[in-house]
Amino acid sequence: MTLWNGQLPFYPQPRHAAGFSAPLLVVILVFLFLFATFLFVLPGIRGHSRWFWLVRILLSLFIGAEIVAVHFSADWFVGWVSTNTSYKAFSAARVSAQVGLRVGLEGINITLTGTPVQQLNETINYNEKFSWRLGEDYEEEYAEALGRGLPDPVLYLAEKFTPSSPCGLYRQYSLAGHYASATLWVAFCLWLLSNALLSMPVPLYGGLALLTTGAFALFSVFSFASISSVPVCQLRLGSATLTTHYGASFWVTLATGLLCLLLGGAVVSLHYARPNALRIFLDRSSKGGDGQGRGGSPLVLSNPLHNPSGDPGFKMSTNL
């Protein structure tokens, strides 16, 4: 009898919580830091413009954070099923478990959680990630999973996404992920450009950049939806069938694209309909009652040491 009773050891390395993503955590922390930095500056803004800038910065940071974060999320296509299924190869033992499949732009995440967790004298709580992003070899990761002796449900779902599988899921979802990721990075660059232009006296171009940001965000959603909507083979686990649907990342990206179109369209419309109102809205001129002067008020310049006209009350004024 061997040390592992003839079975390969499971998980010699530390486990991680399902859905844990270090790059996603870094993105969230970076944007939270930017927002916290703005909160330190916020008390220095006087009057009602303080709330205007708060809403403006919140919307901008939300759009930027969402565009970057969904790259590292595995919630574009998700599915869960509770079933009674075989646990190990060459064994008649069966377990009651919940199996989850989460598809992202860079790969898939498969979870297996026993109900209850302790069954067959083991802790059934697995979380495996298989990547197809550039520079990664999905086949190699799958072969490594086979060598580690992962449970049957995990290997079954992972095998369906291999390039050699007749289901064709690898080509379908990897192409969807690559196209969506590329368009989202373009949207992120346009988001940076829109922020720069809206901070300059060119609101029209800032609005157009924001419109294009929304368009590319929607392109990523449509490219993922059009490719992943192709009929695929069934994913049967024991007596149950795993069904998938669009996840949170898909819907949040769709909402962000529509939000960018709405904001960009509002800026462009105001530029042509009411340009003066747009300047006030974007804080281009001094705020009435809050700043150092009102638009149209005279600026008085006087120099007591120089009086070319000889008039002791001489003053020069101009309207801004």
Protein backbone atom coordinates (compact mmCIF):
# COMPACT_ATOMS: atom_id res chain seq x y z
CA MET A 1 0.00 0.00 0.00
CA THR A 2 1.43 3.36 -0.99
CA LEU A 3 1.33 6.57 0.97
CA TRP A 4 -1.67 7.82 -1.03
CA ASN A 5 -3.41 4.44 -1.37
CA GLY A 6 -2.67 4.29 -5.08
CA GLN A 7 -4.31 7.68 -5.71
CA LEU A 8 -2.57 10.87 -6.79
CA PRO A 9 -2.46 13.53 -4.04
CA PHE A 10 -4.90 16.39 -4.39
CA TYR A 11 -3.82 20.01 -4.10
CA PRO A 12 -0.28 19.97 -2.72
CA GLN A 13 -0.30 23.77 -3.05
CA PRO A 14 -2.43 26.22 -1.00
CA ARG A 15 -6.00 26.73 -2.19
CA HIS A 16 -7.58 30.04 -3.01
CA ALA A 17 -11.13 31.22 -2.61
CA ALA A 18 -13.30 30.78 -5.69
CA GLY A 19 -13.17 33.80 -7.95
CA PHE A 20 -10.05 35.25 -6.34
CA SER A 21 -8.09 37.32 -8.84
CA ALA A 22 -4.99 39.26 -7.82
CA PRO A 23 -5.02 41.58 -10.91
CA LEU A 24 -8.68 42.39 -10.28
CA LEU A 25 -7.87 43.27 -6.67
CA VAL A 26 -5.02 45.52 -7.81
CA VAL A 27 -7.32 47.37 -10.24
CA ILE A 28 -9.91 47.97 -7.52
CA LEU A 29 -7.29 49.22 -5.05
CA VAL A 30 -5.74 51.60 -7.61
CA PHE A 31 -9.07 53.26 -8.44
CA LEU A 32 -10.04 53.39 -4.76
CA PHE A 33 -6.74 55.17 -4.09
CA LEU A 34 -7.51 57.70 -6.84
CA PHE A 35 -10.94 58.33 -5.36
CA ALA A 36 -9.52 58.69 -1.83
CA THR A 37 -6.99 61.21 -3.16
CA PHE A 38 -9.81 63.24 -4.68
CA LEU A 39 -11.67 63.21 -1.35
CA PHE A 40 -8.71 65.03 0.23
CA VAL A 41 -9.01 67.76 -2.42
CA LEU A 42 -12.81 67.98 -2.26
CA PRO A 43 -13.05 70.25 0.85
CA GLY A 44 -11.02 72.88 -1.01
CA ILE A 45 -13.77 73.27 -3.64
CA ARG A 46 -16.26 75.91 -2.54
CA GLY A 47 -20.02 76.01 -2.91
CA HIS A 48 -22.27 73.85 -5.04
CA SER A 49 -19.48 73.07 -7.48
CA ARG A 50 -18.12 70.66 -4.86
CA TRP A 51 -21.01 68.25 -5.48
CA PHE A 52 -20.71 68.74 -9.22
CA TRP A 53 -17.07 67.65 -9.14
CA LEU A 54 -17.87 64.76 -6.79
CA VAL A 55 -20.46 63.32 -9.21
CA ARG A 56 -18.21 63.97 -12.21
CA ILE A 57 -15.18 62.22 -10.68
CA LEU A 58 -17.30 59.32 -9.40
CA LEU A 59 -18.78 58.68 -12.86
CA SER A 60 -15.40 58.95 -14.57
CA LEU A 61 -13.63 56.61 -12.12
CA PHE A 62 -16.49 54.11 -12.32
CA ILE A 63 -16.25 53.99 -16.12
CA GLY A 64 -12.48 53.58 -16.09
CA ALA A 65 -12.46 50.99 -13.30
CA GLU A 66 -15.19 48.93 -14.96
CA ILE A 67 -13.47 48.88 -18.35
CA VAL A 68 -10.22 47.61 -16.82
CA ALA A 69 -11.68 45.31 -14.16
CA VAL A 70 -13.81 43.19 -16.50
CA HIS A 71 -10.63 42.05 -18.28
CA PHE A 72 -9.70 40.07 -15.17
CA SER A 73 -13.20 38.94 -14.23
CA ALA A 74 -14.50 35.45 -14.99
CA ASP A 75 -18.16 36.45 -14.90
CA TRP A 76 -18.91 37.00 -18.58
CA PHE A 77 -20.61 33.62 -18.97
CA VAL A 78 -21.57 31.63 -15.87
CA GLY A 79 -23.43 28.47 -14.91
CA TRP A 80 -24.07 26.37 -11.79
CA VAL A 81 -25.61 22.98 -11.18
CA SER A 82 -26.15 20.73 -8.17
CA THR A 83 -25.70 17.07 -9.00
CA ASN A 84 -24.70 13.61 -7.82
CA THR A 85 -21.66 12.65 -9.84
CA SER A 86 -18.60 10.42 -9.88
CA TYR A 87 -15.63 11.83 -8.02
CA LYS A 88 -12.48 10.03 -9.18
CA ALA A 89 -11.43 8.04 -12.19
CA PHE A 90 -11.62 4.24 -11.91
CA SER A 91 -13.80 4.53 -8.80
CA ALA A 92 -17.50 3.90 -8.28
CA ALA A 93 -17.69 6.45 -5.45
CA ARG A 94 -20.12 9.31 -6.07
CA VAL A 95 -20.49 12.65 -4.32
CA SER A 96 -23.20 15.25 -4.00
CA ALA A 97 -21.72 18.58 -5.07
CA GLN A 98 -22.30 21.91 -6.72
CA VAL A 99 -20.32 22.46 -9.93
CA GLY A 100 -19.72 25.96 -11.27
CA LEU A 101 -18.38 27.17 -14.60
CA ARG A 102 -17.32 30.78 -15.11
CA VAL A 103 -16.04 32.00 -18.46
CA GLY A 104 -13.99 35.18 -18.74
CA LEU A 105 -12.06 36.96 -21.46
CA GLU A 106 -8.81 35.21 -20.55
CA GLY A 107 -9.97 31.70 -19.63
CA ILE A 108 -12.37 29.64 -17.55
CA ASN A 109 -12.78 28.99 -13.84
CA ILE A 110 -14.23 25.67 -12.62
CA THR A 111 -15.38 25.16 -9.04
CA LEU A 112 -16.44 21.97 -7.28
CA THR A 113 -17.96 22.27 -3.80
CA GLY A 114 -19.32 19.26 -1.94
CA THR A 115 -22.71 19.44 -0.23
CA PRO A 116 -21.62 18.86 2.50
CA VAL A 117 -17.98 19.79 1.99
CA GLN A 118 -16.68 16.78 3.93
CA GLN A 119 -17.35 13.58 1.95
CA LEU A 120 -15.40 10.36 1.40
CA ASN A 121 -13.01 11.47 4.17
CA GLU A 122 -11.92 14.41 2.01
CA THR A 123 -12.61 18.12 1.76
CA ILE A 124 -14.33 18.63 -1.58
CA ASN A 125 -13.72 22.29 -2.34
CA TYR A 126 -11.85 22.90 -5.59
CA ASN A 127 -11.26 26.00 -7.65
CA GLU A 128 -9.33 25.62 -10.91
CA LYS A 129 -8.44 28.18 -13.57
CA PHE A 130 -7.49 27.37 -17.18
CA SER A 131 -6.22 30.24 -19.31
CA TRP A 132 -6.12 30.87 -23.05
CA ARG A 133 -4.72 34.40 -23.02
CA LEU A 134 -1.73 35.18 -25.21
CA GLY A 135 1.39 33.47 -23.94
CA GLU A 136 -0.53 30.70 -22.13
CA ASP A 137 -0.99 27.10 -23.32
CA TYR A 138 -4.41 25.70 -22.44
CA GLU A 139 -3.46 22.18 -23.47
CA GLU A 140 -0.45 22.26 -21.15
CA GLU A 141 -2.55 23.43 -18.22
CA TYR A 142 -5.08 20.68 -18.90
CA ALA A 143 -2.30 18.06 -19.05
CA GLU A 144 -0.98 19.36 -15.73
CA ALA A 145 -4.47 19.01 -14.22
CA LEU A 146 -4.60 15.40 -15.42
CA GLY A 147 -1.24 14.73 -13.78
CA ARG A 148 -2.46 16.18 -10.50
CA GLY A 149 -5.46 13.86 -10.51
CA LEU A 150 -8.19 16.44 -10.18
CA PRO A 151 -11.79 15.25 -9.70
CA ASP A 152 -13.81 13.99 -12.65
CA PRO A 153 -16.25 16.96 -12.90
CA VAL A 154 -13.37 19.46 -13.11
CA LEU A 155 -11.52 17.44 -15.75
CA TYR A 156 -14.73 16.82 -17.71
CA LEU A 157 -15.51 20.54 -18.05
CA ALA A 158 -11.88 21.45 -18.71
CA GLU A 159 -11.69 18.82 -21.47
CA LYS A 160 -14.72 20.32 -23.23
CA PHE A 161 -12.74 23.56 -23.68
CA THR A 162 -9.57 21.99 -25.06
CA PRO A 163 -8.66 22.87 -28.69
CA SER A 164 -8.96 19.20 -29.69
CA SER A 165 -12.47 18.78 -28.26
CA PRO A 166 -15.20 18.18 -30.90
CA CYS A 167 -17.44 20.68 -29.04
CA GLY A 168 -15.40 23.58 -30.42
CA LEU A 169 -15.78 25.60 -27.22
CA TYR A 170 -12.11 26.65 -27.16
CA ARG A 171 -12.19 28.39 -30.53
CA GLN A 172 -15.58 29.90 -29.82
CA TYR A 173 -14.87 31.42 -26.43
CA SER A 174 -11.19 32.25 -26.91
CA LEU A 175 -12.00 34.27 -30.03
CA ALA A 176 -14.83 36.00 -28.17
CA GLY A 177 -12.45 36.85 -25.34
CA HIS A 178 -9.67 38.15 -27.61
CA TYR A 179 -11.98 40.44 -29.61
CA ALA A 180 -13.78 41.74 -26.53
CA SER A 181 -10.49 42.37 -24.71
CA ALA A 182 -9.00 44.28 -27.66
CA THR A 183 -12.01 46.57 -28.03
CA LEU A 184 -12.14 47.20 -24.29
CA TRP A 185 -8.50 48.33 -24.23
CA VAL A 186 -9.30 50.75 -27.05
CA ALA A 187 -12.27 51.98 -24.99
CA PHE A 188 -9.95 52.53 -22.00
CA CYS A 189 -7.55 54.64 -24.10
CA LEU A 190 -10.48 56.70 -25.39
CA TRP A 191 -11.71 57.14 -21.80
CA LEU A 192 -8.33 58.64 -20.86
CA LEU A 193 -8.52 60.91 -23.93
CA SER A 194 -12.06 62.05 -23.08
CA ASN A 195 -11.00 63.03 -19.55
CA ALA A 196 -8.12 65.07 -20.93
CA LEU A 197 -10.30 66.83 -23.53
CA LEU A 198 -13.11 67.58 -21.06
CA SER A 199 -10.52 69.29 -18.85
CA MET A 200 -9.63 71.64 -21.74
CA PRO A 201 -11.77 74.27 -23.46
CA VAL A 202 -12.76 71.76 -26.16
CA PRO A 203 -15.89 70.05 -24.72
CA LEU A 204 -17.12 68.98 -28.17
CA TYR A 205 -14.11 66.73 -28.74
CA GLY A 206 -14.36 65.43 -25.18
CA GLY A 207 -17.98 64.48 -25.81
CA LEU A 208 -17.07 62.79 -29.09
CA ALA A 209 -14.31 60.83 -27.33
CA LEU A 210 -16.81 59.75 -24.67
CA LEU A 211 -19.25 58.66 -27.38
CA THR A 212 -16.51 56.59 -29.01
CA THR A 213 -15.64 55.08 -25.62
CA GLY A 214 -19.22 53.88 -25.25
CA ALA A 215 -19.26 52.58 -28.81
CA PHE A 216 -16.16 50.41 -28.27
CA ALA A 217 -17.50 49.15 -24.94
CA LEU A 218 -20.67 48.05 -26.74
CA PHE A 219 -18.58 46.52 -29.53
CA SER A 220 -16.91 44.29 -26.94
CA VAL A 221 -20.30 43.18 -25.61
CA PHE A 222 -21.70 42.50 -29.06
CA SER A 223 -18.59 40.61 -30.21
CA PHE A 224 -18.73 38.36 -27.14
CA ALA A 225 -22.48 37.82 -27.51
CA SER A 226 -22.38 37.09 -31.24
CA ILE A 227 -19.60 34.50 -31.00
CA SER A 228 -20.73 32.81 -27.80
CA SER A 229 -24.34 32.48 -28.98
CA VAL A 230 -23.40 29.62 -31.34
CA PRO A 231 -25.11 26.36 -30.24
CA VAL A 232 -22.79 24.10 -28.27
CA CYS A 233 -22.87 20.55 -26.97
CA GLN A 234 -24.51 19.78 -23.64
CA LEU A 235 -22.49 19.71 -20.45
CA ARG A 236 -23.83 16.75 -18.49
CA LEU A 237 -22.63 16.09 -14.96
CA GLY A 238 -24.17 12.95 -13.53
CA SER A 239 -27.91 13.19 -13.94
CA ALA A 240 -27.98 16.98 -14.38
CA THR A 241 -27.12 19.34 -17.23
CA LEU A 242 -25.12 22.51 -16.63
CA THR A 243 -26.69 25.52 -18.34
CA THR A 244 -24.93 28.86 -18.76
CA HIS A 245 -26.05 32.46 -19.11
CA TYR A 246 -24.50 35.92 -19.35
CA GLY A 247 -22.91 37.02 -16.10
CA ALA A 248 -22.44 40.26 -14.17
CA SER A 249 -19.41 41.46 -16.16
CA PHE A 250 -21.37 41.23 -19.42
CA TRP A 251 -24.31 43.28 -18.13
CA VAL A 252 -22.17 45.86 -16.31
CA THR A 253 -20.11 46.43 -19.47
CA LEU A 254 -23.32 46.86 -21.46
CA ALA A 255 -24.59 49.40 -18.90
CA THR A 256 -21.26 51.26 -18.94
CA GLY A 257 -21.32 51.52 -22.73
CA LEU A 258 -24.84 52.95 -22.65
CA LEU A 259 -23.83 55.38 -19.89
CA CYS A 260 -20.91 56.65 -21.99
CA LEU A 261 -23.21 57.14 -24.96
CA LEU A 262 -25.69 59.05 -22.79
CA LEU A 263 -23.06 61.34 -21.26
CA GLY A 264 -21.22 61.88 -24.54
CA GLY A 265 -24.47 62.59 -26.37
CA ALA A 266 -25.48 65.12 -23.71
CA VAL A 267 -22.16 66.97 -24.03
CA VAL A 268 -22.35 67.11 -27.84
CA SER A 269 -26.02 68.19 -27.80
CA LEU A 270 -25.37 70.98 -25.28
CA HIS A 271 -22.41 72.17 -27.33
CA TYR A 272 -24.67 72.89 -30.29
CA ALA A 273 -27.85 73.85 -28.41
CA ARG A 274 -26.59 75.80 -25.36
CA PRO A 275 -22.80 76.24 -25.41
CA ASN A 276 -22.84 78.76 -22.54
CA ALA A 277 -24.73 76.31 -20.32
CA LEU A 278 -22.19 73.63 -21.22
CA ARG A 279 -19.31 75.87 -20.14
CA ILE A 280 -20.97 76.48 -16.79
CA PHE A 281 -21.76 72.77 -16.40
CA LEU A 282 -18.15 71.80 -17.07
CA ASP A 283 -16.91 74.55 -14.73
CA ARG A 284 -15.25 76.53 -17.51
CA SER A 285 -16.14 79.93 -15.97
CA SER A 286 -16.26 81.19 -12.42
CA LYS A 287 -19.28 80.05 -10.46
CA GLY A 288 -21.72 82.82 -9.58
CA GLY A 289 -21.85 83.45 -5.84
CA ASP A 290 -19.21 80.82 -5.08
CA GLY A 291 -16.05 81.89 -6.88
CA GLN A 292 -14.07 85.08 -7.02
CA GLY A 293 -16.36 86.78 -9.47
CA ARG A 294 -19.38 86.39 -11.77
CA GLY A 295 -19.23 86.09 -15.52
CA GLY A 296 -19.68 89.56 -17.03
CA SER A 297 -18.64 91.49 -13.89
CA PRO A 298 -16.00 94.21 -14.34
CA LEU A 299 -12.43 93.66 -13.26
CA VAL A 300 -11.10 96.89 -11.76
CA LEU A 301 -7.37 97.61 -12.07
CA SER A 302 -5.85 100.58 -10.26
CA ASN A 303 -2.30 101.71 -9.56
CA PRO A 304 -1.92 104.44 -6.94
CA LEU A 305 1.74 105.03 -7.95
CA HIS A 306 1.01 105.71 -11.61
CA ASN A 307 -1.69 108.13 -12.76
CA PRO A 308 -1.09 109.24 -16.38
CA SER A 309 -4.20 111.46 -16.58
CA GLY A 310 -3.57 113.36 -13.40
CA ASP A 311 -7.00 112.36 -12.10
CA PRO A 312 -6.64 111.06 -8.51
CA GLY A 313 -9.66 108.86 -9.01
CA PHE A 314 -8.48 107.33 -12.26
CA LYS A 315 -9.27 103.61 -12.61
CA MET A 316 -9.20 101.24 -15.58
CA SER A 317 -11.80 98.48 -15.83
CA THR A 318 -12.63 95.77 -18.30
CA ASN A 319 -15.42 93.24 -18.64
CA LEU A 320 -14.47 89.54 -18.60
